[in-house]
Amino acid sequence: MKPNLDGRVFRTAENTANGEVDAGTVFHYHQNDRMVWAEYAGGEVVTGHLLAVIADDHALDMRYHHINRRGEVLAGTCRSSVRELPDGRYVLEEEWQWLTGDRSAGRSRVEEVRVGPSL
């Protein structure tokens, strides 16, 4: 299944302790064919961006960077497996590693959230 992430919104459901995104971090995804990008912010993240390509196995090969509340610029790499839930929402199962700071690795899971109509 080649995912279509365009216009989808995600929130972190789980993350290892060495990660900075949490339930307060919201990701807004865009897609054009195999190119994927997103803006994210919330929680410890003031502003962030990610760029990815959809690999032949339909996983996302991603790089990300953000500025946190301490004013630090951090960057990392991530591989995300895309899974569709029975209700049609997507879940991204992620294995990531910092390219800055302590260069530690971790795992996270982000889940699509349904966005209701604007009032």
N, C-alpha and C. Protein backbone atom coordinates (compact mmCIF):
# COMPACT_ATOMS: atom_id res chain seq x y z
N MET A 1 0.84 -1.17 0.00
CA MET A 1 0.00 0.00 0.00
C MET A 1 0.89 1.25 0.00
N LYS A 2 0.83 2.02 -1.06
CA LYS A 2 1.54 3.30 -1.08
C LYS A 2 0.67 4.31 -0.34
N PRO A 3 1.19 4.86 0.75
CA PRO A 3 0.36 5.76 1.57
C PRO A 3 0.11 7.10 0.88
N ASN A 4 -0.99 7.72 1.23
CA ASN A 4 -1.28 9.09 0.83
C ASN A 4 -1.40 9.90 2.11
N LEU A 5 -0.36 10.64 2.44
CA LEU A 5 -0.31 11.40 3.68
C LEU A 5 -0.73 12.85 3.50
N ASP A 6 -1.02 13.26 2.28
CA ASP A 6 -1.31 14.66 1.99
C ASP A 6 -2.54 15.16 2.77
N GLY A 7 -2.33 16.24 3.51
CA GLY A 7 -3.41 16.85 4.28
C GLY A 7 -3.73 16.18 5.60
N ARG A 8 -2.99 15.17 5.96
CA ARG A 8 -3.26 14.45 7.21
C ARG A 8 -2.51 15.10 8.38
N VAL A 9 -3.11 15.01 9.55
CA VAL A 9 -2.55 15.60 10.77
C VAL A 9 -2.28 14.47 11.75
N PHE A 10 -1.10 14.51 12.38
CA PHE A 10 -0.67 13.46 13.31
C PHE A 10 -0.28 14.06 14.65
N ARG A 11 -0.37 13.22 15.69
CA ARG A 11 0.05 13.58 17.03
C ARG A 11 0.82 12.40 17.61
N THR A 12 1.84 12.67 18.40
CA THR A 12 2.66 11.61 18.98
C THR A 12 1.86 10.83 20.02
N ALA A 13 1.84 9.51 19.88
CA ALA A 13 1.18 8.63 20.84
C ALA A 13 2.18 8.03 21.82
N GLU A 14 3.40 7.76 21.34
CA GLU A 14 4.46 7.19 22.18
C GLU A 14 5.80 7.70 21.69
N ASN A 15 6.75 7.84 22.63
CA ASN A 15 8.12 8.20 22.27
C ASN A 15 9.04 7.75 23.39
N THR A 16 10.27 7.42 23.05
CA THR A 16 11.25 7.08 24.07
C THR A 16 11.68 8.36 24.79
N ALA A 17 12.24 8.21 25.97
CA ALA A 17 12.54 9.34 26.84
C ALA A 17 13.54 10.33 26.23
N ASN A 18 14.38 9.88 25.33
CA ASN A 18 15.39 10.77 24.74
C ASN A 18 14.84 11.56 23.54
N GLY A 19 13.56 11.41 23.22
CA GLY A 19 12.93 12.17 22.16
C GLY A 19 12.33 13.46 22.69
N GLU A 20 12.03 14.39 21.81
CA GLU A 20 11.46 15.67 22.23
C GLU A 20 10.00 15.84 21.85
N VAL A 21 9.49 15.09 20.88
CA VAL A 21 8.08 15.23 20.53
C VAL A 21 7.25 14.45 21.53
N ASP A 22 6.04 14.98 21.80
CA ASP A 22 5.14 14.33 22.75
C ASP A 22 3.71 14.57 22.30
N ALA A 23 2.74 14.27 23.15
CA ALA A 23 1.32 14.40 22.78
C ALA A 23 0.93 15.83 22.42
N GLY A 24 1.74 16.80 22.82
CA GLY A 24 1.47 18.19 22.46
C GLY A 24 2.01 18.59 21.10
N THR A 25 2.77 17.71 20.46
CA THR A 25 3.36 18.01 19.16
C THR A 25 2.43 17.57 18.05
N VAL A 26 2.11 18.50 17.14
CA VAL A 26 1.20 18.22 16.03
C VAL A 26 1.98 18.34 14.72
N PHE A 27 1.80 17.36 13.84
CA PHE A 27 2.46 17.29 12.54
C PHE A 27 1.42 17.49 11.44
N HIS A 28 1.69 18.38 10.49
CA HIS A 28 0.82 18.62 9.33
C HIS A 28 1.57 18.14 8.09
N TYR A 29 1.09 17.03 7.51
CA TYR A 29 1.77 16.37 6.40
C TYR A 29 1.26 16.83 5.03
N HIS A 30 2.20 16.80 4.06
CA HIS A 30 1.92 17.11 2.66
C HIS A 30 2.63 16.05 1.82
N GLN A 31 2.10 15.81 0.63
CA GLN A 31 2.72 14.80 -0.22
C GLN A 31 2.51 15.15 -1.69
N ASN A 32 3.55 14.91 -2.48
CA ASN A 32 3.48 15.01 -3.94
C ASN A 32 4.21 13.79 -4.47
N ASP A 33 3.45 12.80 -4.93
CA ASP A 33 3.98 11.54 -5.42
C ASP A 33 4.79 10.88 -4.30
N ARG A 34 6.10 10.68 -4.47
CA ARG A 34 6.92 10.02 -3.44
C ARG A 34 7.55 11.00 -2.45
N MET A 35 7.39 12.30 -2.70
CA MET A 35 7.95 13.32 -1.80
C MET A 35 6.94 13.64 -0.70
N VAL A 36 7.43 13.67 0.54
CA VAL A 36 6.59 13.96 1.70
C VAL A 36 7.30 15.02 2.53
N TRP A 37 6.54 15.96 3.09
CA TRP A 37 7.10 16.95 3.99
C TRP A 37 6.04 17.32 5.02
N ALA A 38 6.51 17.87 6.13
CA ALA A 38 5.58 18.25 7.19
C ALA A 38 6.18 19.38 8.01
N GLU A 39 5.28 20.15 8.62
CA GLU A 39 5.64 21.12 9.63
C GLU A 39 5.14 20.55 10.95
N TYR A 40 5.88 20.81 12.02
CA TYR A 40 5.43 20.35 13.33
C TYR A 40 5.82 21.34 14.41
N ALA A 41 5.02 21.36 15.47
CA ALA A 41 5.26 22.24 16.62
C ALA A 41 4.39 21.76 17.77
N GLY A 42 4.76 22.22 18.97
CA GLY A 42 4.00 21.90 20.17
C GLY A 42 4.83 21.12 21.16
N GLY A 43 4.44 21.15 22.41
CA GLY A 43 5.23 20.50 23.45
C GLY A 43 6.57 21.20 23.57
N GLU A 44 7.65 20.45 23.53
CA GLU A 44 9.00 21.02 23.62
C GLU A 44 9.47 21.65 22.31
N VAL A 45 8.75 21.42 21.22
CA VAL A 45 9.17 21.89 19.90
C VAL A 45 8.51 23.23 19.58
N VAL A 46 9.32 24.25 19.32
CA VAL A 46 8.79 25.56 18.92
C VAL A 46 8.39 25.51 17.45
N THR A 47 9.29 25.03 16.60
CA THR A 47 8.98 24.87 15.18
C THR A 47 9.89 23.80 14.60
N GLY A 48 9.36 23.01 13.68
CA GLY A 48 10.15 21.97 13.06
C GLY A 48 9.64 21.62 11.68
N HIS A 49 10.50 20.95 10.92
CA HIS A 49 10.17 20.52 9.56
C HIS A 49 10.77 19.13 9.33
N LEU A 50 10.13 18.38 8.47
CA LEU A 50 10.70 17.11 8.05
C LEU A 50 10.53 16.96 6.55
N LEU A 51 11.46 16.23 5.95
CA LEU A 51 11.43 15.88 4.54
C LEU A 51 11.61 14.38 4.44
N ALA A 52 10.86 13.75 3.51
CA ALA A 52 10.96 12.30 3.36
C ALA A 52 10.67 11.92 1.92
N VAL A 53 11.12 10.73 1.57
CA VAL A 53 10.72 10.08 0.34
C VAL A 53 10.11 8.74 0.72
N ILE A 54 9.15 8.32 -0.08
CA ILE A 54 8.54 7.01 0.14
C ILE A 54 9.41 5.98 -0.58
N ALA A 55 9.98 5.06 0.19
CA ALA A 55 10.86 4.03 -0.35
C ALA A 55 10.04 2.96 -1.08
N ASP A 56 10.73 2.06 -1.76
CA ASP A 56 10.05 1.00 -2.50
C ASP A 56 9.19 0.11 -1.61
N ASP A 57 9.56 -0.02 -0.32
CA ASP A 57 8.76 -0.82 0.60
C ASP A 57 7.65 0.00 1.27
N HIS A 58 7.44 1.24 0.79
CA HIS A 58 6.40 2.17 1.25
C HIS A 58 6.67 2.78 2.61
N ALA A 59 7.87 2.58 3.15
CA ALA A 59 8.27 3.27 4.39
C ALA A 59 8.76 4.66 4.03
N LEU A 60 8.78 5.54 5.02
CA LEU A 60 9.29 6.89 4.82
C LEU A 60 10.75 6.95 5.25
N ASP A 61 11.61 7.42 4.35
CA ASP A 61 13.02 7.67 4.65
C ASP A 61 13.11 9.17 4.89
N MET A 62 13.32 9.56 6.15
CA MET A 62 13.07 10.93 6.58
C MET A 62 14.28 11.58 7.24
N ARG A 63 14.35 12.92 7.11
CA ARG A 63 15.26 13.76 7.88
C ARG A 63 14.42 14.86 8.51
N TYR A 64 14.77 15.24 9.72
CA TYR A 64 14.00 16.27 10.42
C TYR A 64 14.92 17.23 11.15
N HIS A 65 14.40 18.42 11.41
CA HIS A 65 15.11 19.39 12.25
C HIS A 65 14.09 20.26 12.95
N HIS A 66 14.45 20.72 14.14
CA HIS A 66 13.56 21.62 14.87
C HIS A 66 14.33 22.48 15.87
N ILE A 67 13.63 23.51 16.33
CA ILE A 67 14.14 24.35 17.42
C ILE A 67 13.28 24.05 18.64
N ASN A 68 13.94 23.73 19.74
CA ASN A 68 13.19 23.41 20.96
C ASN A 68 13.04 24.65 21.86
N ARG A 69 12.34 24.48 22.96
CA ARG A 69 12.07 25.60 23.87
C ARG A 69 13.33 26.16 24.54
N ARG A 70 14.41 25.39 24.53
CA ARG A 70 15.69 25.87 25.07
C ARG A 70 16.49 26.66 24.02
N GLY A 71 15.93 26.79 22.82
CA GLY A 71 16.61 27.52 21.75
C GLY A 71 17.64 26.71 21.00
N GLU A 72 17.65 25.40 21.18
CA GLU A 72 18.61 24.53 20.50
C GLU A 72 18.05 24.11 19.14
N VAL A 73 18.94 24.04 18.15
CA VAL A 73 18.58 23.48 16.85
C VAL A 73 19.04 22.03 16.84
N LEU A 74 18.11 21.11 16.65
CA LEU A 74 18.41 19.68 16.65
C LEU A 74 17.99 19.07 15.32
N ALA A 75 18.65 18.00 14.91
CA ALA A 75 18.34 17.34 13.65
C ALA A 75 18.48 15.83 13.82
N GLY A 76 17.78 15.10 12.97
CA GLY A 76 17.85 13.65 13.04
C GLY A 76 17.40 12.97 11.77
N THR A 77 17.51 11.66 11.79
CA THR A 77 17.07 10.81 10.70
C THR A 77 16.05 9.83 11.24
N CYS A 78 15.13 9.39 10.37
CA CYS A 78 14.04 8.54 10.83
C CYS A 78 13.59 7.63 9.70
N ARG A 79 13.20 6.44 10.04
CA ARG A 79 12.54 5.51 9.11
C ARG A 79 11.19 5.18 9.70
N SER A 80 10.13 5.47 8.95
CA SER A 80 8.76 5.29 9.45
C SER A 80 8.01 4.28 8.61
N SER A 81 7.50 3.25 9.27
CA SER A 81 6.61 2.29 8.62
C SER A 81 5.19 2.81 8.75
N VAL A 82 4.44 2.75 7.66
CA VAL A 82 3.08 3.28 7.63
C VAL A 82 2.11 2.11 7.73
N ARG A 83 1.17 2.23 8.67
CA ARG A 83 0.15 1.19 8.85
C ARG A 83 -1.21 1.86 8.86
N GLU A 84 -2.19 1.23 8.23
CA GLU A 84 -3.54 1.77 8.23
C GLU A 84 -4.38 1.06 9.28
N LEU A 85 -5.07 1.85 10.10
CA LEU A 85 -5.97 1.31 11.12
C LEU A 85 -7.31 0.93 10.50
N PRO A 86 -8.10 0.09 11.17
CA PRO A 86 -9.41 -0.30 10.63
C PRO A 86 -10.33 0.88 10.32
N ASP A 87 -10.17 2.00 11.05
CA ASP A 87 -11.02 3.16 10.81
C ASP A 87 -10.49 4.07 9.70
N GLY A 88 -9.40 3.65 9.02
CA GLY A 88 -8.86 4.41 7.89
C GLY A 88 -7.75 5.39 8.25
N ARG A 89 -7.53 5.62 9.56
CA ARG A 89 -6.43 6.50 9.97
C ARG A 89 -5.10 5.78 9.80
N TYR A 90 -4.03 6.57 9.66
CA TYR A 90 -2.69 6.03 9.55
C TYR A 90 -1.96 6.12 10.88
N VAL A 91 -1.04 5.18 11.09
CA VAL A 91 -0.10 5.18 12.20
C VAL A 91 1.29 5.07 11.61
N LEU A 92 2.22 5.88 12.12
CA LEU A 92 3.61 5.81 11.69
C LEU A 92 4.43 5.23 12.84
N GLU A 93 5.02 4.06 12.61
CA GLU A 93 5.91 3.41 13.58
C GLU A 93 7.32 3.83 13.19
N GLU A 94 8.00 4.53 14.09
CA GLU A 94 9.24 5.21 13.72
C GLU A 94 10.45 4.72 14.51
N GLU A 95 11.56 4.58 13.80
CA GLU A 95 12.87 4.34 14.41
C GLU A 95 13.73 5.52 13.99
N TRP A 96 14.24 6.26 14.97
CA TRP A 96 14.94 7.50 14.67
C TRP A 96 16.27 7.58 15.42
N GLN A 97 17.10 8.52 14.95
CA GLN A 97 18.37 8.79 15.62
C GLN A 97 18.72 10.26 15.46
N TRP A 98 19.17 10.85 16.56
CA TRP A 98 19.65 12.22 16.50
C TRP A 98 20.93 12.30 15.69
N LEU A 99 21.05 13.32 14.86
CA LEU A 99 22.30 13.61 14.15
C LEU A 99 23.08 14.71 14.85
N THR A 100 22.47 15.29 15.88
CA THR A 100 23.09 16.33 16.70
C THR A 100 22.98 15.89 18.16
N GLY A 101 23.57 16.67 19.05
CA GLY A 101 23.47 16.35 20.48
C GLY A 101 24.15 15.03 20.80
N ASP A 102 23.44 14.19 21.56
CA ASP A 102 24.06 12.94 22.02
C ASP A 102 24.02 11.81 20.99
N ARG A 103 23.40 12.03 19.86
CA ARG A 103 23.32 11.06 18.75
C ARG A 103 22.66 9.75 19.16
N SER A 104 21.84 9.79 20.19
CA SER A 104 21.15 8.59 20.63
C SER A 104 20.01 8.24 19.67
N ALA A 105 19.49 7.03 19.81
CA ALA A 105 18.40 6.54 18.96
C ALA A 105 17.17 6.28 19.80
N GLY A 106 16.03 6.16 19.13
CA GLY A 106 14.80 5.86 19.85
C GLY A 106 13.71 5.39 18.91
N ARG A 107 12.54 5.19 19.50
CA ARG A 107 11.35 4.75 18.76
C ARG A 107 10.18 5.61 19.16
N SER A 108 9.33 5.85 18.20
CA SER A 108 8.10 6.59 18.49
C SER A 108 6.98 6.07 17.61
N ARG A 109 5.77 6.44 18.00
CA ARG A 109 4.58 6.12 17.22
C ARG A 109 3.72 7.37 17.15
N VAL A 110 3.39 7.78 15.94
CA VAL A 110 2.49 8.92 15.77
C VAL A 110 1.23 8.42 15.09
N GLU A 111 0.08 8.95 15.54
CA GLU A 111 -1.21 8.52 15.02
C GLU A 111 -1.93 9.69 14.39
N GLU A 112 -2.61 9.40 13.31
CA GLU A 112 -3.40 10.42 12.65
C GLU A 112 -4.57 10.83 13.54
N VAL A 113 -4.83 12.12 13.58
CA VAL A 113 -5.99 12.63 14.30
C VAL A 113 -6.98 13.18 13.29
N ARG A 114 -8.23 12.98 13.55
CA ARG A 114 -9.28 13.50 12.68
C ARG A 114 -9.47 14.97 13.01
N VAL A 115 -9.48 15.78 11.97
CA VAL A 115 -9.68 17.22 12.14
C VAL A 115 -11.10 17.53 11.72
N GLY A 116 -11.87 18.08 12.65
CA GLY A 116 -13.26 18.41 12.37
C GLY A 116 -13.39 19.69 11.57
N PRO A 117 -14.61 20.01 11.11
CA PRO A 117 -14.82 21.23 10.34
C PRO A 117 -14.61 22.46 11.22
N SER A 118 -14.14 23.53 10.59
CA SER A 118 -13.92 24.78 11.32
C SER A 118 -15.25 25.44 11.63
N LEU A 119 -15.30 26.07 12.80
CA LEU A 119 -16.53 26.77 13.19
C LEU A 119 -16.35 28.26 13.01
